[in-house]
Protein backbone atom coordinates (compact mmCIF):
# COMPACT_ATOMS: atom_id res chain seq x y z
CA MET A 1 0.03 0.22 -0.04
CA PHE A 2 1.34 3.42 -0.79
CA VAL A 3 0.94 5.64 1.80
CA GLN A 4 -0.48 8.95 0.59
CA MET A 5 0.35 12.45 2.46
CA PRO A 6 -0.41 15.71 2.18
CA LEU A 7 2.71 16.97 1.52
CA LYS A 8 3.42 20.06 -0.71
CA ILE A 9 7.37 20.46 -1.34
CA GLY A 10 8.02 22.69 -4.45
CA LEU A 11 11.14 22.34 -6.63
CA ARG A 12 13.28 25.63 -6.85
CA ASP A 13 13.00 27.15 -10.13
CA ASP A 14 16.61 27.33 -10.62
CA ALA A 15 17.12 23.51 -9.80
CA CYS A 16 18.47 21.80 -12.96
CA PHE A 17 21.19 20.02 -14.19
CA GLU A 18 22.02 22.82 -16.67
CA THR A 19 23.03 24.99 -13.48
CA PHE A 20 25.14 22.60 -11.72
CA VAL A 21 28.85 23.23 -12.45
CA THR A 22 31.99 21.07 -11.65
CA GLU A 23 35.35 20.92 -13.28
CA LYS A 24 36.32 17.77 -11.14
CA GLU A 25 37.08 14.70 -13.17
CA SER A 26 35.79 12.28 -10.46
CA LEU A 27 32.67 13.96 -9.70
CA ALA A 28 31.85 14.47 -13.47
CA VAL A 29 32.05 11.10 -14.09
CA ALA A 30 29.83 10.18 -10.89
CA PHE A 31 27.52 12.90 -12.14
CA ASN A 32 27.31 11.17 -15.42
CA SER A 33 26.47 7.64 -13.85
CA LEU A 34 23.76 9.40 -12.17
CA GLN A 35 22.18 11.01 -14.97
CA SER A 36 22.46 7.60 -16.86
CA ALA A 37 20.53 5.81 -13.71
CA LEU A 38 17.73 8.35 -14.34
CA MET A 39 17.28 7.59 -18.01
CA GLN A 40 17.76 3.77 -17.96
CA SER A 41 15.84 3.13 -14.66
CA ASN A 42 18.26 0.47 -13.70
CA GLY A 43 17.92 0.29 -10.06
CA SER A 44 20.71 2.53 -9.23
CA ALA A 45 20.97 3.99 -5.43
CA PHE A 46 23.32 6.96 -4.69
CA TYR A 47 24.28 8.87 -1.76
CA LEU A 48 25.34 12.53 -2.17
CA HIS A 49 27.50 14.04 0.87
CA GLY A 50 29.36 16.89 1.47
CA ASP A 51 29.23 20.13 3.51
CA THR A 52 26.29 22.70 3.64
CA GLY A 53 25.76 24.44 0.35
CA VAL A 54 27.70 22.44 -2.13
CA GLY A 55 24.86 21.57 -4.05
CA LYS A 56 23.30 18.27 -2.70
CA THR A 57 19.81 19.49 -2.65
CA HIS A 58 20.23 21.18 -5.84
CA LEU A 59 21.20 17.52 -7.41
CA LEU A 60 18.15 16.28 -5.65
CA GLN A 61 15.64 18.77 -7.00
CA ALA A 62 17.30 18.58 -10.12
CA SER A 63 16.92 14.72 -10.66
CA CYS A 64 13.42 15.10 -9.89
CA ARG A 65 12.61 18.10 -12.52
CA PHE A 66 14.39 15.62 -15.03
CA ILE A 67 12.07 12.64 -14.22
CA THR A 68 8.83 15.16 -14.13
CA GLU A 69 9.75 16.56 -17.57
CA GLN A 70 9.79 13.01 -18.80
CA GLY A 71 6.30 12.56 -17.78
CA ARG A 72 7.38 10.27 -14.92
CA ALA A 73 6.73 10.42 -11.09
CA SER A 74 9.37 11.52 -8.44
CA VAL A 75 9.07 12.26 -4.81
CA TYR A 76 11.51 14.59 -2.61
CA LEU A 77 11.69 14.52 0.97
CA PRO A 78 13.82 16.73 3.06
CA PHE A 79 14.03 15.45 6.68
CA ALA A 80 15.41 18.50 8.17
CA ASP A 81 12.11 20.34 7.29
CA HIS A 82 10.20 19.51 10.76
CA SER A 83 7.01 20.88 9.76
CA LEU A 84 6.49 17.85 7.58
CA PRO A 85 4.51 14.97 8.91
CA LEU A 86 7.14 12.43 8.41
CA ILE A 87 6.73 9.21 10.00
CA PRO A 88 8.69 5.79 8.85
CA ASP A 89 5.50 4.47 7.17
CA VAL A 90 6.07 7.54 4.76
CA PHE A 91 8.51 5.02 3.03
CA THR A 92 5.90 2.23 2.55
CA GLY A 93 5.08 1.91 -1.22
CA LEU A 94 7.78 4.54 -2.42
CA GLU A 95 9.56 1.57 -4.45
CA GLN A 96 6.56 2.10 -6.97
CA VAL A 97 7.83 5.73 -7.72
CA PRO A 98 10.70 5.81 -10.65
CA LEU A 99 12.50 8.17 -8.67
CA VAL A 100 12.70 8.71 -4.80
CA CYS A 101 14.86 11.62 -3.54
CA LEU A 102 15.80 11.75 0.47
CA ASP A 103 17.30 14.73 1.69
CA ASP A 104 19.16 15.43 5.10
CA MET A 105 19.73 11.60 5.86
CA THR A 106 21.33 12.07 9.12
CA HIS A 107 18.24 13.23 10.71
CA ILE A 108 16.92 9.71 10.69
CA ILE A 109 19.96 7.55 10.98
CA GLY A 110 20.33 5.87 14.44
CA GLN A 111 16.45 5.26 14.63
CA ALA A 112 15.73 1.59 14.37
CA LYS A 113 12.26 2.07 12.84
CA TRP A 114 13.42 4.51 10.07
CA GLU A 115 16.63 2.33 9.15
CA LEU A 116 14.48 -0.77 8.88
CA ALA A 117 12.00 1.21 6.42
CA LEU A 118 15.10 2.85 4.55
CA ALA A 119 17.03 -0.68 4.26
CA ASN A 120 13.30 -1.98 3.13
CA LEU A 121 12.89 0.80 0.43
CA ILE A 122 16.65 0.48 -0.75
CA THR A 123 16.24 -3.20 -1.55
CA LYS A 124 12.74 -2.89 -3.21
CA SER A 125 13.40 -0.01 -5.26
CA SER A 126 16.38 -1.94 -6.73
CA VAL A 127 14.31 -4.98 -7.39
CA GLN A 128 11.44 -2.56 -9.35
CA GLY A 129 14.32 -1.11 -11.22
CA HIS A 130 13.61 2.63 -9.84
CA THR A 131 16.23 5.18 -8.58
CA LEU A 132 17.07 6.02 -5.20
CA ILE A 133 18.86 9.02 -4.33
CA LEU A 134 20.11 10.15 -0.70
CA ALA A 135 21.80 13.24 0.77
CA GLY A 136 23.47 14.37 3.60
CA GLN A 137 26.66 15.92 5.35
CA GLU A 138 28.13 13.01 6.75
CA PRO A 139 30.06 9.94 4.75
CA ILE A 140 28.38 6.93 5.49
CA ASN A 141 30.78 5.32 7.65
CA ASP A 142 30.05 8.20 9.80
CA TRP A 143 26.39 7.48 10.36
CA GLY A 144 26.43 5.38 13.28
CA ILE A 145 24.03 2.95 11.96
CA ALA A 146 21.76 0.87 14.49
CA THR A 147 20.62 -2.17 12.31
CA THR A 148 22.44 -4.69 10.63
CA GLU A 149 19.77 -4.38 7.96
CA LEU A 150 20.38 -1.03 6.88
CA THR A 151 24.29 -1.91 6.95
CA LYS A 152 23.74 -4.61 4.35
CA ALA A 153 21.31 -2.55 2.23
CA LEU A 154 23.80 0.21 2.00
CA MET A 155 26.28 -1.85 0.26
CA MET A 156 23.89 -1.08 -2.81
CA VAL A 157 24.47 2.37 -2.46
CA LEU A 158 27.14 4.28 -4.58
CA PRO A 159 28.73 7.28 -2.38
CA ILE A 160 29.26 10.65 -4.36
CA GLU A 161 31.10 13.15 -2.31
CA ILE A 162 30.23 16.70 -3.62
CA GLN A 163 32.74 19.72 -2.92
CA ALA A 164 32.06 23.54 -2.94
CA LEU A 165 33.54 25.29 -6.24
CA ALA A 166 36.79 26.00 -5.39
CA GLU A 167 38.10 27.96 -8.39
CA LYS A 168 36.78 31.62 -9.20
CA GLU A 169 36.28 31.01 -12.80
CA GLU A 170 33.88 27.68 -11.77
CA VAL A 171 31.85 30.20 -9.59
CA ILE A 172 31.21 32.74 -12.20
CA LEU A 173 30.30 29.87 -14.59
CA ALA A 174 27.76 28.76 -12.01
CA LEU A 175 26.36 32.37 -11.37
CA GLN A 176 26.12 32.57 -15.41
CA ARG A 177 24.40 29.43 -15.64
CA HIS A 178 21.62 30.51 -12.97
CA SER A 179 21.18 34.01 -14.55
CA GLN A 180 20.56 32.18 -17.73
CA ARG A 181 17.92 30.34 -16.25
CA LEU A 182 16.75 33.58 -14.76
CA GLY A 183 16.47 35.20 -18.30
CA PHE A 184 19.29 37.65 -18.46
CA GLU A 185 23.15 37.82 -18.79
CA LEU A 186 25.77 38.18 -16.26
CA PRO A 187 28.97 39.56 -17.78
CA ASN A 188 32.38 38.51 -16.33
CA ASP A 189 33.20 41.79 -14.94
CA VAL A 190 29.95 41.52 -12.75
CA GLY A 191 30.92 37.99 -11.45
CA ASN A 192 34.48 39.26 -10.55
CA TYR A 193 32.77 42.23 -8.79
CA LEU A 194 30.55 40.10 -6.87
CA ILE A 195 33.08 37.75 -5.67
CA LYS A 196 35.46 40.35 -4.39
CA GLN A 197 32.29 41.98 -2.77
CA PHE A 198 31.00 39.09 -0.99
CA SER A 199 32.95 35.56 -1.07
CA THR A 200 32.87 32.28 -3.43
CA ASP A 201 30.36 30.90 -1.34
CA LEU A 202 27.91 30.32 -3.99
CA GLN A 203 24.63 30.27 -1.96
CA GLU A 204 25.36 33.66 -0.81
CA LEU A 205 25.96 34.93 -4.50
CA LEU A 206 22.90 33.42 -5.63
CA ALA A 207 20.81 35.45 -3.12
CA VAL A 208 22.56 38.67 -4.10
CA LEU A 209 21.77 37.29 -7.85
CA LYS A 210 18.24 37.09 -7.22
CA LEU A 211 18.32 40.67 -5.78
CA LEU A 212 19.95 41.86 -9.00
CA GLU A 213 17.23 40.20 -11.15
CA GLN A 214 14.43 41.86 -9.30
CA ALA A 215 16.18 45.15 -9.66
CA THR A 216 16.69 44.92 -13.45
CA LEU A 217 13.24 44.15 -13.85
CA VAL A 218 12.18 47.21 -11.85
CA GLU A 219 14.34 49.39 -13.52
CA LYS A 220 14.35 47.87 -16.67
CA ARG A 221 18.40 47.84 -17.21
CA ARG A 222 20.64 45.11 -18.17
CA LEU A 223 22.96 43.78 -15.65
CA THR A 224 26.14 46.25 -16.23
CA LEU A 225 28.69 46.59 -13.83
CA PRO A 226 27.80 50.36 -13.05
CA PHE A 227 24.37 49.35 -12.62
CA VAL A 228 25.30 46.67 -9.85
CA LYS A 229 27.76 49.08 -8.25
CA THR A 230 24.94 51.66 -7.73
CA PHE A 231 22.30 49.20 -7.01
CA LEU A 232 24.63 47.66 -4.14
CA ASN A 233 25.60 50.88 -2.79
CA GLN A 234 22.50 52.10 -2.24
CA ARG A 235 21.51 49.04 0.12
């Protein structure tokens, strides 16, 4: 039986594969494996891990959007959102869904009922040929697992470490892809200026980019360096 729950979890507008940037060869290979699994429906399972803000949630939601655009169903559950009425029974029947994405996994690890439900979902999704993507900050070896069932099931899960963008050029490219998604161009000089004024933290810069998008719409201006300087100096 599939448990129907009144969850309204929207996907971010900018969460798509086109706006994800990585120049690291190992991550690019793993990223390609993930995309192939989504297209082939071969029962693969992945665990994305890394620090806050490196793009784990982005990839989960991008995967959901990719599947949805193909006319197939997906489920995204963020366990850090305590406003959601989540109980272990929420996993019941989810193996029937082509893609299930579970975010912030460490919030349920160490609790036997959750672990048994997760182990069951991993195994059944694999049998059904459906894809399961998990995400969290800690590597699986640091989870502190309470049940042998989950330890065994996790042997079917491929871990992928997501790292923050280290090079300035990578950050600017990511900003440019996001700005294109929003409908405007971000010149290189503006990207360099934003990094100097703020940081290379992509999440912080994306928040600034959202403000700039609104400003260009209000002022009916292109995003130029003089415009950006004037706008930011007024805040």
